[in-house]
Amino acid sequence: MKTLNLSWGDRPIRLETEGTRTFLRLGAELRVDVTDASLDQLDRLADVAADLADVRRDRIRAARVADEVAAEDGFRFVGVPYQHGTEAA
């Protein structure tokens, strides 16, 4: 298996090849077969990834604004850590 490491922000994304198949590895759990993907499909995949990044930026920005407003009003939010998955406490 041949692996090419790419970087997207602080989380690596790998392009893997096994024989004649090509996969896009996203984290430890998700691997997408892109061997037969058309250029249009790959362009749409890139668009979706850009949209997801925009949503993430908006959430971070909204949280910062909420923290700033609370600080101006003399409040401080202390959150409880949240963990996805079946092993969350």
PDB file of N, CA and C in Angstrom:
ATOM      1  N   MET A   1       0.845  -1.169   0.000  1.00  0.00           N
ATOM      2  CA  MET A   1       0.000   0.000   0.000  1.00  0.00           C
ATOM      3  C   MET A   1       0.892   1.234   0.000  1.00  0.00           C
ATOM      4  N   LYS A   2       0.590   2.185  -0.859  1.00  0.00           N
ATOM      5  CA  LYS A   2       1.322   3.443  -0.932  1.00  0.00           C
ATOM      6  C   LYS A   2       0.473   4.524  -0.280  1.00  0.00           C
ATOM      7  N   THR A   3       1.071   5.353   0.572  1.00  0.00           N
ATOM      8  CA  THR A   3       0.341   6.401   1.278  1.00  0.00           C
ATOM      9  C   THR A   3       1.000   7.742   1.011  1.00  0.00           C
ATOM     10  N   LEU A   4       0.184   8.737   0.670  1.00  0.00           N
ATOM     11  CA  LEU A   4       0.644  10.105   0.494  1.00  0.00           C
ATOM     12  C   LEU A   4      -0.052  10.947   1.545  1.00  0.00           C
ATOM     13  N   ASN A   5       0.706  11.609   2.395  1.00  0.00           N
ATOM     14  CA  ASN A   5       0.121  12.425   3.456  1.00  0.00           C
ATOM     15  C   ASN A   5      -0.104  13.849   2.972  1.00  0.00           C
ATOM     16  N   LEU A   6      -1.313  14.319   3.146  1.00  0.00           N
ATOM     17  CA  LEU A   6      -1.665  15.701   2.860  1.00  0.00           C
ATOM     18  C   LEU A   6      -2.014  16.355   4.179  1.00  0.00           C
ATOM     19  N   SER A   7      -2.143  17.654   4.190  1.00  0.00           N
ATOM     20  CA  SER A   7      -2.505  18.318   5.431  1.00  0.00           C
ATOM     21  C   SER A   7      -3.662  19.260   5.177  1.00  0.00           C
ATOM     22  N   TRP A   8      -4.652  19.207   6.047  1.00  0.00           N
ATOM     23  CA  TRP A   8      -5.786  20.103   5.965  1.00  0.00           C
ATOM     24  C   TRP A   8      -5.946  20.691   7.351  1.00  0.00           C
ATOM     25  N   GLY A   9      -5.474  21.906   7.535  1.00  0.00           N
ATOM     26  CA  GLY A   9      -5.482  22.489   8.859  1.00  0.00           C
ATOM     27  C   GLY A   9      -4.524  21.723   9.744  1.00  0.00           C
ATOM     28  N   ASP A  10      -4.973  21.369  10.932  1.00  0.00           N
ATOM     29  CA  ASP A  10      -4.114  20.644  11.864  1.00  0.00           C
ATOM     30  C   ASP A  10      -4.373  19.144  11.841  1.00  0.00           C
ATOM     31  N   ARG A  11      -5.236  18.685  10.943  1.00  0.00           N
ATOM     32  CA  ARG A  11      -5.552  17.252  10.882  1.00  0.00           C
ATOM     33  C   ARG A  11      -5.147  16.689   9.524  1.00  0.00           C
ATOM     34  N   PRO A  12      -4.293  15.690   9.524  1.00  0.00           N
ATOM     35  CA  PRO A  12      -3.836  15.143   8.245  1.00  0.00           C
ATOM     36  C   PRO A  12      -4.932  14.359   7.524  1.00  0.00           C
ATOM     37  N   ILE A  13      -4.900  14.467   6.227  1.00  0.00           N
ATOM     38  CA  ILE A  13      -5.763  13.680   5.348  1.00  0.00           C
ATOM     39  C   ILE A  13      -4.812  12.924   4.434  1.00  0.00           C
ATOM     40  N   ARG A  14      -5.037  11.628   4.306  1.00  0.00           N
ATOM     41  CA  ARG A  14      -4.114  10.817   3.513  1.00  0.00           C
ATOM     42  C   ARG A  14      -4.787  10.319   2.249  1.00  0.00           C
ATOM     43  N   LEU A  15      -4.006  10.280   1.195  1.00  0.00           N
ATOM     44  CA  LEU A  15      -4.414   9.651  -0.047  1.00  0.00           C
ATOM     45  C   LEU A  15      -3.691   8.318  -0.094  1.00  0.00           C
ATOM     46  N   GLU A  16      -4.449   7.214  -0.119  1.00  0.00           N
ATOM     47  CA  GLU A  16      -3.863   5.877  -0.073  1.00  0.00           C
ATOM     48  C   GLU A  16      -4.130   5.147  -1.380  1.00  0.00           C
ATOM     49  N   THR A  17      -3.187   4.326  -1.779  1.00  0.00           N
ATOM     50  CA  THR A  17      -3.401   3.457  -2.929  1.00  0.00           C
ATOM     51  C   THR A  17      -3.140   2.016  -2.516  1.00  0.00           C
ATOM     52  N   GLU A  18      -4.012   1.137  -2.957  1.00  0.00           N
ATOM     53  CA  GLU A  18      -3.852  -0.307  -2.773  1.00  0.00           C
ATOM     54  C   GLU A  18      -4.038  -0.933  -4.142  1.00  0.00           C
ATOM     55  N   GLY A  19      -2.957  -1.381  -4.713  1.00  0.00           N
ATOM     56  CA  GLY A  19      -3.040  -1.918  -6.066  1.00  0.00           C
ATOM     57  C   GLY A  19      -3.440  -0.805  -7.026  1.00  0.00           C
ATOM     58  N   THR A  20      -4.588  -0.990  -7.679  1.00  0.00           N
ATOM     59  CA  THR A  20      -5.072   0.023  -8.623  1.00  0.00           C
ATOM     60  C   THR A  20      -6.153   0.913  -8.022  1.00  0.00           C
ATOM     61  N   ARG A  21      -6.484   0.724  -6.753  1.00  0.00           N
ATOM     62  CA  ARG A  21      -7.541   1.499  -6.081  1.00  0.00           C
ATOM     63  C   ARG A  21      -6.933   2.686  -5.344  1.00  0.00           C
ATOM     64  N   THR A  22      -7.658   3.800  -5.318  1.00  0.00           N
ATOM     65  CA  THR A  22      -7.224   5.003  -4.611  1.00  0.00           C
ATOM     66  C   THR A  22      -8.285   5.381  -3.595  1.00  0.00           C
ATOM     67  N   PHE A  23      -7.849   5.689  -2.379  1.00  0.00           N
ATOM     68  CA  PHE A  23      -8.754   6.015  -1.278  1.00  0.00           C
ATOM     69  C   PHE A  23      -8.350   7.337  -0.650  1.00  0.00           C
ATOM     70  N   LEU A  24      -9.332   8.061  -0.171  1.00  0.00           N
ATOM     71  CA  LEU A  24      -9.121   9.270   0.609  1.00  0.00           C
ATOM     72  C   LEU A  24      -9.403   8.904   2.053  1.00  0.00           C
ATOM     73  N   ARG A  25      -8.377   8.961   2.909  1.00  0.00           N
ATOM     74  CA  ARG A  25      -8.506   8.578   4.322  1.00  0.00           C
ATOM     75  C   ARG A  25      -8.735   9.841   5.141  1.00  0.00           C
ATOM     76  N   LEU A  26      -9.851   9.862   5.880  1.00  0.00           N
ATOM     77  CA  LEU A  26     -10.195  10.982   6.759  1.00  0.00           C
ATOM     78  C   LEU A  26     -10.233  10.459   8.181  1.00  0.00           C
ATOM     79  N   GLY A  27      -9.177  10.688   8.931  1.00  0.00           N
ATOM     80  CA  GLY A  27      -9.120  10.183  10.298  1.00  0.00           C
ATOM     81  C   GLY A  27      -8.932   8.679  10.315  1.00  0.00           C
ATOM     82  N   ALA A  28      -9.197   8.084  11.462  1.00  0.00           N
ATOM     83  CA  ALA A  28      -8.973   6.653  11.630  1.00  0.00           C
ATOM     84  C   ALA A  28     -10.137   5.814  11.122  1.00  0.00           C
ATOM     85  N   GLU A  29     -11.324   6.394  11.041  1.00  0.00           N
ATOM     86  CA  GLU A  29     -12.522   5.602  10.789  1.00  0.00           C
ATOM     87  C   GLU A  29     -13.096   5.696   9.378  1.00  0.00           C
ATOM     88  N   LEU A  30     -12.745   6.724   8.619  1.00  0.00           N
ATOM     89  CA  LEU A  30     -13.407   6.933   7.332  1.00  0.00           C
ATOM     90  C   LEU A  30     -12.415   6.848   6.184  1.00  0.00           C
ATOM     91  N   ARG A  31     -12.739   5.997   5.218  1.00  0.00           N
ATOM     92  CA  ARG A  31     -11.938   5.854   4.012  1.00  0.00           C
ATOM     93  C   ARG A  31     -12.894   5.829   2.834  1.00  0.00           C
ATOM     94  N   VAL A  32     -12.677   6.723   1.882  1.00  0.00           N
ATOM     95  CA  VAL A  32     -13.559   6.859   0.726  1.00  0.00           C
ATOM     96  C   VAL A  32     -12.809   6.402  -0.520  1.00  0.00           C
ATOM     97  N   ASP A  33     -13.428   5.491  -1.266  1.00  0.00           N
ATOM     98  CA  ASP A  33     -12.841   5.017  -2.516  1.00  0.00           C
ATOM     99  C   ASP A  33     -13.105   6.068  -3.596  1.00  0.00           C
ATOM    100  N   VAL A  34     -12.041   6.667  -4.112  1.00  0.00           N
ATOM    101  CA  VAL A  34     -12.181   7.706  -5.137  1.00  0.00           C
ATOM    102  C   VAL A  34     -11.577   7.258  -6.469  1.00  0.00           C
ATOM    103  N   THR A  35     -11.361   5.961  -6.617  1.00  0.00           N
ATOM    104  CA  THR A  35     -10.734   5.427  -7.824  1.00  0.00           C
ATOM    105  C   THR A  35     -11.495   5.816  -9.082  1.00  0.00           C
ATOM    106  N   ASP A  36     -12.808   5.630  -9.072  1.00  0.00           N
ATOM    107  CA  ASP A  36     -13.615   5.871 -10.264  1.00  0.00           C
ATOM    108  C   ASP A  36     -14.342   7.213 -10.231  1.00  0.00           C
ATOM    109  N   ALA A  37     -13.969   8.083  -9.317  1.00  0.00           N
ATOM    110  CA  ALA A  37     -14.646   9.378  -9.203  1.00  0.00           C
ATOM    111  C   ALA A  37     -14.319  10.249 -10.414  1.00  0.00           C
ATOM    112  N   SER A  38     -15.347  10.906 -10.918  1.00  0.00           N
ATOM    113  CA  SER A  38     -15.140  11.822 -12.038  1.00  0.00           C
ATOM    114  C   SER A  38     -14.586  13.145 -11.512  1.00  0.00           C
ATOM    115  N   LEU A  39     -14.094  13.964 -12.411  1.00  0.00           N
ATOM    116  CA  LEU A  39     -13.610  15.285 -12.000  1.00  0.00           C
ATOM    117  C   LEU A  39     -14.731  16.103 -11.375  1.00  0.00           C
ATOM    118  N   ASP A  40     -15.944  15.970 -11.909  1.00  0.00           N
ATOM    119  CA  ASP A  40     -17.089  16.686 -11.350  1.00  0.00           C
ATOM    120  C   ASP A  40     -17.360  16.247  -9.910  1.00  0.00           C
ATOM    121  N   GLN A  41     -17.292  14.946  -9.659  1.00  0.00           N
ATOM    122  CA  GLN A  41     -17.515  14.443  -8.301  1.00  0.00           C
ATOM    123  C   GLN A  41     -16.425  14.925  -7.349  1.00  0.00           C
ATOM    124  N   LEU A  42     -15.190  14.929  -7.806  1.00  0.00           N
ATOM    125  CA  LEU A  42     -14.098  15.408  -6.961  1.00  0.00           C
ATOM    126  C   LEU A  42     -14.239  16.904  -6.685  1.00  0.00           C
ATOM    127  N   ASP A  43     -14.690  17.665  -7.693  1.00  0.00           N
ATOM    128  CA  ASP A  43     -14.944  19.097  -7.479  1.00  0.00           C
ATOM    129  C   ASP A  43     -16.054  19.302  -6.458  1.00  0.00           C
ATOM    130  N   ARG A  44     -17.111  18.485  -6.540  1.00  0.00           N
ATOM    131  CA  ARG A  44     -18.211  18.600  -5.570  1.00  0.00           C
ATOM    132  C   ARG A  44     -17.738  18.216  -4.169  1.00  0.00           C
ATOM    133  N   LEU A  45     -16.884  17.212  -4.076  1.00  0.00           N
ATOM    134  CA  LEU A  45     -16.315  16.825  -2.782  1.00  0.00           C
ATOM    135  C   LEU A  45     -15.527  17.989  -2.177  1.00  0.00           C
ATOM    136  N   ALA A  46     -14.759  18.670  -3.006  1.00  0.00           N
ATOM    137  CA  ALA A  46     -14.004  19.837  -2.536  1.00  0.00           C
ATOM    138  C   ALA A  46     -14.948  20.951  -2.089  1.00  0.00           C
ATOM    139  N   ASP A  47     -16.048  21.160  -2.824  1.00  0.00           N
ATOM    140  CA  ASP A  47     -17.028  22.182  -2.443  1.00  0.00           C
ATOM    141  C   ASP A  47     -17.678  21.858  -1.104  1.00  0.00           C
ATOM    142  N   VAL A  48     -18.023  20.591  -0.906  1.00  0.00           N
ATOM    143  CA  VAL A  48     -18.640  20.178   0.363  1.00  0.00           C
ATOM    144  C   VAL A  48     -17.658  20.379   1.511  1.00  0.00           C
ATOM    145  N   ALA A  49     -16.403  20.035   1.293  1.00  0.00           N
ATOM    146  CA  ALA A  49     -15.391  20.232   2.333  1.00  0.00           C
ATOM    147  C   ALA A  49     -15.244  21.711   2.668  1.00  0.00           C
ATOM    148  N   ALA A  50     -15.292  22.569   1.654  1.00  0.00           N
ATOM    149  CA  ALA A  50     -15.210  24.016   1.898  1.00  0.00           C
ATOM    150  C   ALA A  50     -16.426  24.499   2.680  1.00  0.00           C
ATOM    151  N   ASP A  51     -17.610  23.976   2.345  1.00  0.00           N
ATOM    152  CA  ASP A  51     -18.826  24.342   3.081  1.00  0.00           C
ATOM    153  C   ASP A  51     -18.735  23.909   4.542  1.00  0.00           C
ATOM    154  N   LEU A  52     -18.224  22.706   4.784  1.00  0.00           N
ATOM    155  CA  LEU A  52     -18.065  22.229   6.158  1.00  0.00           C
ATOM    156  C   LEU A  52     -17.100  23.113   6.946  1.00  0.00           C
ATOM    157  N   ALA A  53     -16.032  23.538   6.295  1.00  0.00           N
ATOM    158  CA  ALA A  53     -15.077  24.429   6.957  1.00  0.00           C
ATOM    159  C   ALA A  53     -15.736  25.766   7.288  1.00  0.00           C
ATOM    160  N   ASP A  54     -16.580  26.272   6.378  1.00  0.00           N
ATOM    161  CA  ASP A  54     -17.293  27.528   6.644  1.00  0.00           C
ATOM    162  C   ASP A  54     -18.231  27.391   7.834  1.00  0.00           C
ATOM    163  N   VAL A  55     -18.937  26.270   7.920  1.00  0.00           N
ATOM    164  CA  VAL A  55     -19.842  26.031   9.048  1.00  0.00           C
ATOM    165  C   VAL A  55     -19.053  26.003  10.345  1.00  0.00           C
ATOM    166  N   ARG A  56     -17.918  25.328  10.331  1.00  0.00           N
ATOM    167  CA  ARG A  56     -17.078  25.250  11.536  1.00  0.00           C
ATOM    168  C   ARG A  56     -16.586  26.636  11.948  1.00  0.00           C
ATOM    169  N   ARG A  57     -16.146  27.436  10.967  1.00  0.00           N
ATOM    170  CA  ARG A  57     -15.704  28.800  11.268  1.00  0.00           C
ATOM    171  C   ARG A  57     -16.837  29.623  11.870  1.00  0.00           C
ATOM    172  N   ASP A  58     -18.039  29.484  11.311  1.00  0.00           N
ATOM    173  CA  ASP A  58     -19.197  30.222  11.829  1.00  0.00           C
ATOM    174  C   ASP A  58     -19.506  29.834  13.266  1.00  0.00           C
ATOM    175  N   ARG A  59     -19.410  28.558  13.588  1.00  0.00           N
ATOM    176  CA  ARG A  59     -19.667  28.108  14.962  1.00  0.00           C
ATOM    177  C   ARG A  59     -18.633  28.677  15.934  1.00  0.00           C
ATOM    178  N   ILE A  60     -17.381  28.657  15.517  1.00  0.00           N
ATOM    179  CA  ILE A  60     -16.323  29.212  16.367  1.00  0.00           C
ATOM    180  C   ILE A  60     -16.549  30.703  16.571  1.00  0.00           C
ATOM    181  N   ARG A  61     -16.882  31.401  15.492  1.00  0.00           N
ATOM    182  CA  ARG A  61     -17.127  32.838  15.571  1.00  0.00           C
ATOM    183  C   ARG A  61     -18.315  33.132  16.481  1.00  0.00           C
ATOM    184  N   ALA A  62     -19.386  32.362  16.370  1.00  0.00           N
ATOM    185  CA  ALA A  62     -20.572  32.570  17.211  1.00  0.00           C
ATOM    186  C   ALA A  62     -20.244  32.341  18.680  1.00  0.00           C
ATOM    187  N   ALA A  63     -19.437  31.338  18.970  1.00  0.00           N
ATOM    188  CA  ALA A  63     -19.055  31.073  20.361  1.00  0.00           C
ATOM    189  C   ALA A  63     -18.220  32.220  20.915  1.00  0.00           C
ATOM    190  N   ARG A  64     -17.341  32.767  20.096  1.00  0.00           N
ATOM    191  CA  ARG A  64     -16.521  33.904  20.544  1.00  0.00           C
ATOM    192  C   ARG A  64     -17.391  35.125  20.824  1.00  0.00           C
ATOM    193  N   VAL A  65     -18.348  35.383  19.943  1.00  0.00           N
ATOM    194  CA  VAL A  65     -19.241  36.529  20.146  1.00  0.00           C
ATOM    195  C   VAL A  65     -20.033  36.348  21.431  1.00  0.00           C
ATOM    196  N   ALA A  66     -20.547  35.153  21.660  1.00  0.00           N
ATOM    197  CA  ALA A  66     -21.305  34.891  22.890  1.00  0.00           C
ATOM    198  C   ALA A  66     -20.430  35.108  24.118  1.00  0.00           C
ATOM    199  N   ASP A  67     -19.182  34.659  24.066  1.00  0.00           N
ATOM    200  CA  ASP A  67     -18.255  34.865  25.184  1.00  0.00           C
ATOM    201  C   ASP A  67     -17.972  36.347  25.405  1.00  0.00           C
ATOM    202  N   GLU A  68     -17.805  37.101  24.305  1.00  0.00           N
ATOM    203  CA  GLU A  68     -17.535  38.534  24.425  1.00  0.00           C
ATOM    204  C   GLU A  68     -18.721  39.276  25.025  1.00  0.00           C
ATOM    205  N   VAL A  69     -19.929  38.940  24.577  1.00  0.00           N
ATOM    206  CA  VAL A  69     -21.133  39.585  25.112  1.00  0.00           C
ATOM    207  C   VAL A  69     -21.283  39.263  26.590  1.00  0.00           C
ATOM    208  N   ALA A  70     -21.069  38.013  26.948  1.00  0.00           N
ATOM    209  CA  ALA A  70     -21.175  37.621  28.354  1.00  0.00           C
ATOM    210  C   ALA A  70     -20.130  38.347  29.195  1.00  0.00           C
ATOM    211  N   ALA A  71     -18.919  38.491  28.668  1.00  0.00           N
ATOM    212  CA  ALA A  71     -17.862  39.179  29.406  1.00  0.00           C
ATOM    213  C   ALA A  71     -18.207  40.652  29.601  1.00  0.00           C
ATOM    214  N   GLU A  72     -18.807  41.268  28.582  1.00  0.00           N
ATOM    215  CA  GLU A  72     -19.216  42.670  28.702  1.00  0.00           C
ATOM    216  C   GLU A  72     -20.287  42.840  29.771  1.00  0.00           C
ATOM    217  N   ASP A  73     -21.116  41.823  29.937  1.00  0.00           N
ATOM    218  CA  ASP A  73     -22.185  41.873  30.935  1.00  0.00           C
ATOM    219  C   ASP A  73     -21.713  41.388  32.302  1.00  0.00           C
ATOM    220  N   GLY A  74     -20.450  41.009  32.404  1.00  0.00           N
ATOM    221  CA  GLY A  74     -19.906  40.576  33.680  1.00  0.00           C
ATOM    222  C   GLY A  74     -20.122  39.109  33.986  1.00  0.00           C
ATOM    223  N   PHE A  75     -20.446  38.316  32.970  1.00  0.00           N
ATOM    224  CA  PHE A  75     -20.659  36.883  33.170  1.00  0.00           C
ATOM    225  C   PHE A  75     -19.545  36.108  32.500  1.00  0.00           C
ATOM    226  N   ARG A  76     -19.308  34.934  33.020  1.00  0.00           N
ATOM    227  CA  ARG A  76     -18.337  34.037  32.410  1.00  0.00           C
ATOM    228  C   ARG A  76     -18.967  32.665  32.312  1.00  0.00           C
ATOM    229  N   PHE A  77     -18.958  32.094  31.121  1.00  0.00           N
ATOM    230  CA  PHE A  77     -19.529  30.764  30.913  1.00  0.00           C
ATOM    231  C   PHE A  77     -18.468  29.717  31.208  1.00  0.00           C
ATOM    232  N   VAL A  78     -18.814  28.786  32.049  1.00  0.00           N
ATOM    233  CA  VAL A  78     -17.931  27.653  32.323  1.00  0.00           C
ATOM    234  C   VAL A  78     -18.657  26.421  31.821  1.00  0.00           C
ATOM    235  N   GLY A  79     -18.166  25.843  30.739  1.00  0.00           N
ATOM    236  CA  GLY A  79     -18.845  24.710  30.127  1.00  0.00           C
ATOM    237  C   GLY A  79     -18.345  23.386  30.649  1.00  0.00           C
ATOM    238  N   VAL A  80     -19.101  22.374  30.352  1.00  0.00           N
ATOM    239  CA  VAL A  80     -18.730  21.004  30.687  1.00  0.00           C
ATOM    240  C   VAL A  80     -18.202  20.369  29.412  1.00  0.00           C
ATOM    241  N   PRO A  81     -17.031  19.754  29.459  1.00  0.00           N
ATOM    242  CA  PRO A  81     -16.490  19.129  28.250  1.00  0.00           C
ATOM    243  C   PRO A  81     -17.468  18.095  27.692  1.00  0.00           C
ATOM    244  N   TYR A  82     -17.612  18.099  26.391  1.00  0.00           N
ATOM    245  CA  TYR A  82     -18.516  17.177  25.720  1.00  0.00           C
ATOM    246  C   TYR A  82     -17.697  16.300  24.791  1.00  0.00           C
ATOM    247  N   GLN A  83     -17.950  15.009  24.861  1.00  0.00           N
ATOM    248  CA  GLN A  83     -17.204  14.070  24.034  1.00  0.00           C
ATOM    249  C   GLN A  83     -18.189  13.206  23.268  1.00  0.00           C
ATOM    250  N   HIS A  84     -17.998  13.134  21.941  1.00  0.00           N
ATOM    251  CA  HIS A  84     -18.838  12.277  21.106  1.00  0.00           C
ATOM    252  C   HIS A  84     -18.418  10.821  21.271  1.00  0.00           C
ATOM    253  N   GLY A  85     -19.326   9.943  21.028  1.00  0.00           N
ATOM    254  CA  GLY A  85     -18.978   8.528  21.004  1.00  0.00           C
ATOM    255  C   GLY A  85     -19.561   7.762  22.169  1.00  0.00           C
ATOM    256  N   THR A  86     -19.418   6.463  22.085  1.00  0.00           N
ATOM    257  CA  THR A  86     -20.009   5.585  23.093  1.00  0.00           C
ATOM    258  C   THR A  86     -19.232   5.588  24.395  1.00  0.00           C
ATOM    259  N   GLU A  87     -18.001   6.079  24.383  1.00  0.00           N
ATOM    260  CA  GLU A  87     -17.189   6.070  25.589  1.00  0.00           C
ATOM    261  C   GLU A  87     -17.282   7.374  26.367  1.00  0.00           C
ATOM    262  N   ALA A  88     -18.158   8.255  25.933  1.00  0.00           N
ATOM    263  CA  ALA A  88     -18.289   9.538  26.632  1.00  0.00           C
ATOM    264  C   ALA A  88     -18.818   9.308  28.039  1.00  0.00           C
ATOM    265  N   ALA A  89     -18.331  10.100  28.966  1.00  0.00           N
ATOM    266  CA  ALA A  89     -18.748   9.952  30.367  1.00  0.00           C
ATOM    267  C   ALA A  89     -20.127  10.532  30.581  1.00  0.00           C
TER     268      ALA A  89
END
